[in-house]
Amino acid sequence: MIADSMVSLVKNSSVIRAMFEEGNRLAKLYGAENVYDFSLGNPNVPAPAEVNEAVKDIVDNEESTFIHGYMSNAGYEDVRQTIAESLNRRFGTHFNHTNIVMTVGAAGGLNTIFKTLLNPGEEVMTFAPFFGEYRNYVSNFGGKLVVVSPNTVDFQPKLDEFEAKITPKTRAVIVNNPNNPTGVVYSEDTIKKMAAIMDKKQKEYGTEIYLIADEPYRELAYDGVDVPYLTKYYDNTIVGYSYSKSLSLPGERIGYLVIPDEVTDSEDVKSAASVATRILGFVNAPSLMQRVVAKCVDAQVNLEAYDKNRKAIYEGLTRLGFECVKPEGAFYLFVKSPVEDETVFCEAAKKHNILMVPASSFGCPGYVRIAYCVSYETIVNSLPHFAEVAKEMGL
């Protein structure tokens, strides 16, 4: 017997992970080189050389019990200070170590901040399409996810609907920028208007509404597109970050929260987040990886490799007649299904060993997500198979 709350979660387990497991099954049958798995945002680009060098240096030159031991639940103070100073250089902020809480990736950070802020029955708002795990993270703490419907013209948030759906129960708004699954970057104009709406609603209801910026793809932005740093636009902003994508470390589970002093009752929020890290069972973020990322704060993601993939998949599919959102960031291509039910499209593609994720799981039916963080050869070799799918779909 499992908990009642887990029954539906198991039944509706991540569609993305299910497709990933299907890819493993097909690879055993047909060979990995003959399967075109675009399901999972698992970076194909190797971690920067600085990462392996940092691991070796730390293990060789720092004292073992220190490297692998406990520290403050918020993380090593010197690591947090290094990250704060990096943010200050890049974004003109004024953080110090007290504003940083090291977390077990972005997922650990989001669960930590929801545990810190949410009371049962309170609402968290997000904009479709959205990362499907948000629903689970919010429900973990008795919250309710309120979804603003997708704007399928340019995938910027529908701010009129957003304003109309804010209630006295609204506790937080989560923004994923650059966006998974569309690759769209929310513009500065969008962020300013969103902040103004939230300021107005805080005053109207006499409540605090927190803006949670989920930013694992911040460094993955193309063609000079600027990704606004949200603490500069709204005082009650908390940033969640992960090194999974920027340093290709998804399995290491390392990230951080930024809780600025401008946040209402910031000292209480910072203290509660540190305690939440412990009582959720994380205790602290992985100790070795904390020290590694501190040495790699200026390491550069191989944006050229992702950009090469982006252009190849976008240009290849649009030439075949598929309608795609041109991504400005992240490493996802959002494709409109040629038929109303995108699962039919996914099943047709699977017959050609192409795996995509139906976007109903992102709150935007009628689309699919393609993760192009794969080898360039996988993209090139998949295009003739996409051509066959296009013919079957009548394109």
Protein backbone atom coordinates (compact mmCIF):
# COMPACT_ATOMS: atom_id res chain seq x y z
CA MET A 1 0.00 0.00 0.00
CA ILE A 2 1.28 3.46 -0.90
CA ALA A 3 0.00 6.83 0.26
CA ASP A 4 -3.22 7.96 -1.39
CA SER A 5 -1.49 11.15 -2.50
CA MET A 6 1.08 9.10 -4.41
CA VAL A 7 -1.38 6.97 -6.37
CA SER A 8 -2.23 9.67 -8.91
CA LEU A 9 1.37 10.91 -8.99
CA VAL A 10 2.63 7.46 -9.94
CA LYS A 11 -0.13 7.08 -12.53
CA ASN A 12 0.67 10.44 -14.06
CA SER A 13 4.44 10.16 -13.72
CA SER A 14 6.42 12.57 -15.86
CA VAL A 15 5.65 12.19 -19.56
CA ILE A 16 9.18 13.41 -20.26
CA ARG A 17 10.74 10.62 -18.22
CA ALA A 18 8.42 8.06 -19.81
CA MET A 19 9.59 9.11 -23.27
CA PHE A 20 13.21 8.95 -22.09
CA GLU A 21 12.71 5.36 -20.94
CA GLU A 22 11.07 4.56 -24.28
CA GLY A 23 14.18 5.91 -25.98
CA ASN A 24 16.33 3.51 -23.99
CA ARG A 25 14.08 0.63 -25.03
CA LEU A 26 14.22 1.55 -28.72
CA ALA A 27 17.99 2.02 -28.58
CA LYS A 28 18.39 -1.60 -27.44
CA LEU A 29 16.23 -2.77 -30.33
CA TYR A 30 17.56 -0.61 -33.17
CA GLY A 31 20.87 0.81 -31.93
CA ALA A 32 21.29 4.20 -30.28
CA GLU A 33 22.49 5.77 -33.56
CA ASN A 34 19.13 4.89 -35.14
CA VAL A 35 16.96 6.46 -32.44
CA TYR A 36 16.34 10.21 -32.43
CA ASP A 37 15.50 10.96 -28.83
CA PHE A 38 14.50 14.58 -28.28
CA SER A 39 12.64 13.93 -25.03
CA LEU A 40 14.90 14.96 -22.16
CA GLY A 41 16.75 18.21 -21.45
CA ASN A 42 19.95 16.32 -20.71
CA PRO A 43 22.89 18.39 -22.06
CA ASN A 44 25.00 16.69 -24.72
CA VAL A 45 27.64 19.43 -24.51
CA PRO A 46 30.41 18.38 -22.08
CA ALA A 47 31.01 20.34 -18.89
CA PRO A 48 33.62 23.10 -19.32
CA ALA A 49 37.22 21.98 -18.73
CA GLU A 50 37.31 24.15 -15.60
CA VAL A 51 34.86 21.79 -13.89
CA ASN A 52 37.06 18.67 -14.04
CA GLU A 53 40.11 20.77 -13.19
CA ALA A 54 38.30 22.16 -10.13
CA VAL A 55 37.28 18.68 -8.96
CA LYS A 56 40.87 17.45 -9.17
CA ASP A 57 42.29 20.55 -7.49
CA ILE A 58 39.82 20.42 -4.62
CA VAL A 59 40.25 16.70 -3.97
CA ASP A 60 44.03 16.96 -4.16
CA ASN A 61 44.53 20.13 -2.12
CA GLU A 62 41.65 20.60 0.34
CA GLU A 63 41.26 18.64 3.57
CA SER A 64 39.00 15.61 3.08
CA THR A 65 36.78 15.97 6.14
CA PHE A 66 36.18 19.61 5.20
CA ILE A 67 35.31 18.84 1.55
CA HIS A 68 32.89 16.06 2.43
CA GLY A 69 31.60 17.29 5.78
CA TYR A 70 28.61 19.22 7.03
CA MET A 71 28.41 22.98 6.89
CA SER A 72 25.68 25.54 7.48
CA ASN A 73 22.39 24.36 5.95
CA ALA A 74 22.59 27.39 3.64
CA GLY A 75 25.97 26.24 2.31
CA TYR A 76 29.63 27.20 2.64
CA GLU A 77 29.88 30.92 3.40
CA ASP A 78 32.82 31.50 1.04
CA VAL A 79 31.00 29.74 -1.83
CA ARG A 80 27.88 31.86 -1.29
CA GLN A 81 29.99 35.03 -1.17
CA THR A 82 31.73 34.09 -4.44
CA ILE A 83 28.37 33.55 -6.15
CA ALA A 84 26.98 36.81 -4.74
CA GLU A 85 29.97 38.77 -6.05
CA SER A 86 29.61 37.15 -9.48
CA LEU A 87 25.96 38.20 -9.66
CA ASN A 88 26.88 41.73 -8.58
CA ARG A 89 29.46 42.00 -11.37
CA ARG A 90 27.09 40.69 -14.00
CA PHE A 91 23.83 42.36 -13.05
CA GLY A 92 24.70 45.42 -10.97
CA THR A 93 23.12 43.93 -7.85
CA HIS A 94 24.37 44.24 -4.26
CA PHE A 95 24.12 40.75 -2.77
CA ASN A 96 26.35 39.10 -0.18
CA HIS A 97 26.57 35.58 1.21
CA THR A 98 23.50 36.09 3.41
CA ASN A 99 21.35 36.45 0.29
CA ILE A 100 22.37 33.04 -1.11
CA VAL A 101 21.09 29.61 -0.06
CA MET A 102 22.76 26.68 -1.82
CA THR A 103 20.24 24.10 -3.04
CA VAL A 104 19.98 20.61 -4.48
CA GLY A 105 19.48 21.89 -8.01
CA ALA A 106 16.62 24.13 -9.15
CA ALA A 107 14.03 21.52 -8.15
CA GLY A 108 15.38 21.43 -4.60
CA GLY A 109 15.41 25.22 -4.56
CA LEU A 110 11.80 25.53 -5.69
CA ASN A 111 10.61 22.98 -3.13
CA THR A 112 12.60 24.80 -0.47
CA ILE A 113 11.06 28.18 -1.24
CA PHE A 114 7.54 26.77 -1.53
CA LYS A 115 7.98 25.09 1.86
CA THR A 116 9.16 28.46 3.17
CA LEU A 117 6.31 30.55 1.77
CA LEU A 118 3.19 28.47 1.12
CA ASN A 119 0.31 27.83 3.49
CA PRO A 120 -2.20 25.12 2.56
CA GLY A 121 -4.83 26.44 0.15
CA GLU A 122 -2.74 29.34 -1.11
CA GLU A 123 -2.19 29.83 -4.83
CA VAL A 124 0.87 29.90 -7.05
CA MET A 125 0.39 31.31 -10.55
CA THR A 126 2.28 30.37 -13.68
CA PHE A 127 2.02 30.89 -17.43
CA ALA A 128 1.30 28.09 -19.88
CA PRO A 129 3.19 26.45 -21.36
CA PHE A 130 5.06 25.65 -18.14
CA PHE A 131 7.39 22.98 -16.74
CA GLY A 132 4.96 20.26 -15.66
CA GLU A 133 6.68 19.50 -12.35
CA TYR A 134 5.54 22.89 -11.00
CA ARG A 135 2.16 21.34 -10.30
CA ASN A 136 3.75 18.65 -8.14
CA TYR A 137 6.09 21.03 -6.35
CA VAL A 138 3.18 23.31 -5.37
CA SER A 139 0.92 20.44 -4.31
CA ASN A 140 3.72 19.07 -2.10
CA PHE A 141 2.87 21.87 0.34
CA GLY A 142 -0.89 22.01 -0.04
CA GLY A 143 -0.85 24.83 -2.57
CA LYS A 144 -2.91 25.24 -5.73
CA LEU A 145 -1.34 25.97 -9.12
CA VAL A 146 -3.30 28.57 -11.08
CA VAL A 147 -2.45 28.57 -14.78
CA VAL A 148 -2.71 31.51 -17.19
CA SER A 149 -3.65 30.10 -20.60
CA PRO A 150 -1.07 30.15 -23.42
CA ASN A 151 -0.68 33.02 -25.84
CA THR A 152 0.02 31.05 -29.00
CA VAL A 153 0.83 34.16 -31.04
CA ASP A 154 4.24 34.95 -29.50
CA PHE A 155 4.12 33.00 -26.19
CA GLN A 156 4.62 36.12 -24.07
CA PRO A 157 2.36 35.95 -20.96
CA LYS A 158 -1.28 36.99 -21.21
CA LEU A 159 -1.12 39.85 -18.73
CA ASP A 160 -4.84 40.73 -18.82
CA GLU A 161 -5.76 37.19 -17.82
CA PHE A 162 -2.92 37.19 -15.29
CA GLU A 163 -4.29 40.28 -13.56
CA ALA A 164 -7.82 38.91 -13.56
CA LYS A 165 -6.76 35.63 -11.92
CA ILE A 166 -4.81 37.16 -9.01
CA THR A 167 -6.79 36.76 -5.78
CA PRO A 168 -6.22 37.40 -2.06
CA LYS A 169 -4.98 33.78 -1.94
CA THR A 170 -2.22 34.41 -4.50
CA ARG A 171 1.05 33.83 -2.67
CA ALA A 172 3.54 33.56 -5.51
CA VAL A 173 4.04 33.77 -9.27
CA ILE A 174 6.63 31.55 -10.94
CA VAL A 175 8.33 32.69 -14.14
CA ASN A 176 10.64 30.42 -16.16
CA ASN A 177 12.87 32.61 -18.33
CA PRO A 178 14.18 31.56 -20.87
CA ASN A 179 11.17 29.33 -21.05
CA ASN A 180 10.94 25.57 -21.02
CA PRO A 181 9.31 24.36 -23.31
CA THR A 182 9.08 27.20 -25.85
CA GLY A 183 12.58 28.72 -25.81
CA VAL A 184 10.91 32.15 -25.66
CA VAL A 185 12.50 34.90 -23.53
CA TYR A 186 10.08 37.12 -21.62
CA SER A 187 10.96 40.68 -22.59
CA GLU A 188 11.85 43.53 -20.24
CA ASP A 189 8.59 45.25 -21.22
CA THR A 190 6.65 42.11 -20.21
CA ILE A 191 8.48 41.91 -16.88
CA LYS A 192 7.88 45.59 -16.09
CA LYS A 193 4.16 45.26 -16.79
CA MET A 194 3.97 42.07 -14.74
CA ALA A 195 5.73 43.76 -11.81
CA ALA A 196 3.36 46.73 -11.97
CA ILE A 197 0.34 44.41 -11.84
CA MET A 198 1.73 42.55 -8.85
CA ASP A 199 2.57 45.78 -7.01
CA LYS A 200 -0.98 47.01 -7.57
CA LYS A 201 -2.51 43.74 -6.37
CA GLN A 202 -0.33 43.64 -3.24
CA LYS A 203 -1.63 47.07 -2.27
CA GLU A 204 -5.22 46.20 -3.20
CA TYR A 205 -5.30 43.03 -1.09
CA GLY A 206 -2.81 44.00 1.60
CA THR A 207 -0.83 40.83 0.93
CA GLU A 208 2.68 39.85 -0.14
CA ILE A 209 2.96 38.26 -3.60
CA TYR A 210 6.36 36.76 -4.36
CA LEU A 211 7.82 36.54 -7.85
CA ILE A 212 9.87 33.36 -8.17
CA ALA A 213 12.29 33.40 -11.09
CA ASP A 214 13.20 29.87 -12.22
CA GLU A 215 16.41 30.39 -14.21
CA PRO A 216 18.30 27.23 -15.14
CA TYR A 217 18.58 28.41 -18.76
CA ARG A 218 19.72 31.99 -18.10
CA GLU A 219 23.06 31.64 -19.95
CA LEU A 220 21.46 29.96 -22.95
CA ALA A 221 20.26 32.98 -24.93
CA TYR A 222 20.96 33.57 -28.63
CA ASP A 223 21.43 36.43 -31.09
CA GLY A 224 22.27 38.91 -28.33
CA VAL A 225 18.87 38.54 -26.64
CA ASP A 226 18.91 40.01 -23.11
CA VAL A 227 17.34 38.01 -20.26
CA PRO A 228 16.13 40.52 -17.61
CA TYR A 229 17.37 39.91 -14.06
CA LEU A 230 14.08 40.08 -12.18
CA THR A 231 15.25 41.34 -8.77
CA LYS A 232 15.81 44.71 -10.47
CA TYR A 233 12.12 45.10 -11.33
CA TYR A 234 10.19 43.84 -8.31
CA ASP A 235 11.23 43.88 -4.64
CA ASN A 236 9.55 40.61 -3.63
CA THR A 237 11.56 38.56 -6.13
CA ILE A 238 13.36 35.30 -5.28
CA VAL A 239 15.62 33.68 -7.88
CA GLY A 240 16.15 29.94 -8.22
CA TYR A 241 19.17 28.88 -10.26
CA SER A 242 20.76 25.59 -11.32
CA TYR A 243 24.12 24.70 -12.86
CA SER A 244 22.53 21.71 -14.60
CA LYS A 245 22.35 23.41 -17.99
CA SER A 246 24.99 26.15 -17.91
CA LEU A 247 27.76 23.81 -16.72
CA SER A 248 26.20 20.55 -18.01
CA LEU A 249 25.89 19.13 -14.48
CA PRO A 250 22.29 17.85 -14.31
CA GLY A 251 23.15 14.76 -12.29
CA GLU A 252 25.18 16.65 -9.70
CA ARG A 253 22.13 18.51 -8.36
CA ILE A 254 23.65 21.86 -7.47
CA GLY A 255 22.08 25.30 -7.55
CA TYR A 256 21.07 28.17 -5.29
CA LEU A 257 18.32 30.57 -4.22
CA VAL A 258 18.79 34.33 -4.16
CA ILE A 259 16.73 36.02 -1.45
CA PRO A 260 17.38 39.79 -1.68
CA ASP A 261 17.23 42.09 1.34
CA GLU A 262 14.40 43.95 -0.44
CA VAL A 263 12.09 40.94 0.04
CA THR A 264 9.53 41.64 2.76
CA ASP A 265 10.70 40.11 6.07
CA SER A 266 13.82 38.97 4.24
CA GLU A 267 15.64 37.86 7.39
CA ASP A 268 12.77 35.55 8.31
CA VAL A 269 12.54 34.24 4.73
CA LYS A 270 16.28 33.53 4.59
CA SER A 271 16.25 31.76 7.95
CA ALA A 272 13.17 29.74 7.05
CA ALA A 273 14.68 28.70 3.70
CA SER A 274 17.79 27.41 5.48
CA VAL A 275 15.64 25.43 7.92
CA ALA A 276 13.44 24.14 5.05
CA THR A 277 16.56 22.82 3.33
CA ARG A 278 17.22 20.66 6.38
CA ILE A 279 13.72 19.47 7.21
CA LEU A 280 12.95 18.53 3.60
CA GLY A 281 15.77 16.05 3.92
CA PHE A 282 18.37 17.78 1.77
CA VAL A 283 20.28 18.93 4.90
CA ASN A 284 22.63 20.88 2.63
CA ALA A 285 23.54 21.03 -1.05
CA PRO A 286 26.28 18.56 -2.17
CA SER A 287 29.45 19.75 -0.48
CA LEU A 288 32.02 18.90 -3.14
CA MET A 289 29.93 20.46 -5.92
CA GLN A 290 29.48 23.65 -3.91
CA ARG A 291 33.24 24.07 -3.89
CA VAL A 292 33.48 23.15 -7.58
CA VAL A 293 30.96 25.72 -8.80
CA ALA A 294 32.65 28.43 -6.74
CA LYS A 295 35.77 27.86 -8.84
CA CYS A 296 33.73 27.90 -12.06
CA VAL A 297 31.55 31.00 -11.66
CA ASP A 298 33.13 32.55 -14.75
CA ALA A 299 33.12 29.37 -16.87
CA GLN A 300 31.36 29.82 -20.19
CA VAL A 301 28.71 27.52 -21.60
CA ASN A 302 29.41 26.30 -25.15
CA LEU A 303 26.62 28.39 -26.62
CA GLU A 304 27.93 27.89 -30.17
CA ALA A 305 27.16 24.16 -30.07
CA TYR A 306 23.59 24.74 -28.94
CA ASP A 307 23.15 27.54 -31.46
CA LYS A 308 24.36 25.26 -34.28
CA ASN A 309 21.78 22.68 -33.21
CA ARG A 310 19.07 25.33 -32.86
CA LYS A 311 19.55 26.55 -36.40
CA ALA A 312 19.77 23.05 -37.87
CA ILE A 313 16.56 21.76 -36.27
CA TYR A 314 14.55 24.97 -36.73
CA GLU A 315 15.54 25.49 -40.36
CA GLY A 316 15.23 21.78 -41.14
CA LEU A 317 11.71 21.43 -39.76
CA THR A 318 10.36 24.69 -41.14
CA ARG A 319 11.62 23.69 -44.61
CA LEU A 320 9.55 20.53 -44.26
CA GLY A 321 6.44 22.59 -43.53
CA PHE A 322 6.28 22.30 -39.75
CA GLU A 323 5.22 25.42 -37.84
CA CYS A 324 7.76 26.16 -35.07
CA VAL A 325 8.36 28.85 -32.48
CA LYS A 326 11.85 30.23 -33.16
CA PRO A 327 13.67 29.79 -29.85
CA GLU A 328 15.52 32.76 -28.34
CA GLY A 329 16.92 30.78 -25.43
CA ALA A 330 17.19 27.39 -23.68
CA PHE A 331 17.54 24.32 -25.93
CA TYR A 332 13.98 23.47 -26.87
CA LEU A 333 11.98 23.79 -30.08
CA PHE A 334 8.20 24.12 -29.71
CA VAL A 335 6.44 22.66 -32.75
CA LYS A 336 2.77 22.96 -33.64
CA SER A 337 1.22 19.57 -34.27
CA PRO A 338 -0.07 19.11 -37.84
CA VAL A 339 -3.12 17.40 -36.28
CA GLU A 340 -5.25 18.60 -33.37
CA ASP A 341 -4.20 15.79 -31.02
CA GLU A 342 -0.44 16.06 -30.63
CA THR A 343 -0.21 12.55 -29.20
CA VAL A 344 -1.16 11.26 -32.66
CA PHE A 345 1.77 13.28 -34.07
CA CYS A 346 4.09 11.83 -31.41
CA GLU A 347 2.97 8.26 -32.17
CA ALA A 348 3.50 8.81 -35.91
CA ALA A 349 7.01 10.11 -35.20
CA LYS A 350 7.76 7.19 -32.88
CA LYS A 351 7.23 4.79 -35.81
CA HIS A 352 10.30 6.48 -37.31
CA ASN A 353 12.20 6.26 -33.99
CA ILE A 354 11.70 9.98 -33.29
CA LEU A 355 10.77 10.77 -29.69
CA MET A 356 9.14 14.10 -28.77
CA VAL A 357 7.14 15.23 -25.73
CA PRO A 358 3.43 16.09 -26.17
CA ALA A 359 2.81 19.58 -24.84
CA SER A 360 -0.42 18.76 -23.02
CA SER A 361 1.98 17.94 -20.17
CA PHE A 362 3.10 21.60 -20.33
CA GLY A 363 -0.46 22.93 -20.31
CA CYS A 364 -0.48 23.68 -24.05
CA PRO A 365 -2.16 20.95 -26.11
CA GLY A 366 -1.62 20.89 -29.85
CA TYR A 367 2.16 21.29 -29.66
CA VAL A 368 5.20 19.11 -29.02
CA ARG A 369 8.56 19.86 -27.45
CA ILE A 370 11.85 18.87 -29.04
CA ALA A 371 14.96 19.03 -26.83
CA TYR A 372 17.84 19.79 -29.21
CA CYS A 373 20.57 19.33 -26.58
CA VAL A 374 21.68 16.27 -28.53
CA SER A 375 24.55 15.67 -30.93
CA TYR A 376 24.52 17.63 -34.18
CA GLU A 377 24.64 14.30 -36.04
CA THR A 378 21.43 13.20 -34.33
CA ILE A 379 19.67 16.29 -35.67
CA VAL A 380 21.04 15.94 -39.20
CA ASN A 381 20.28 12.21 -39.35
CA SER A 382 16.76 12.73 -38.01
CA LEU A 383 15.68 15.15 -40.73
CA PRO A 384 15.02 12.54 -43.45
CA HIS A 385 12.82 10.70 -40.93
CA PHE A 386 10.99 13.92 -40.08
CA ALA A 387 10.42 14.28 -43.84
CA GLU A 388 8.66 10.93 -43.85
CA VAL A 389 6.51 12.00 -40.89
CA ALA A 390 5.68 15.25 -42.70
CA LYS A 391 4.41 13.27 -45.71
CA GLU A 392 2.27 11.09 -43.49
CA MET A 393 0.87 14.21 -41.80
CA GLY A 394 -0.02 15.75 -45.17
CA LEU A 395 2.49 18.61 -45.08
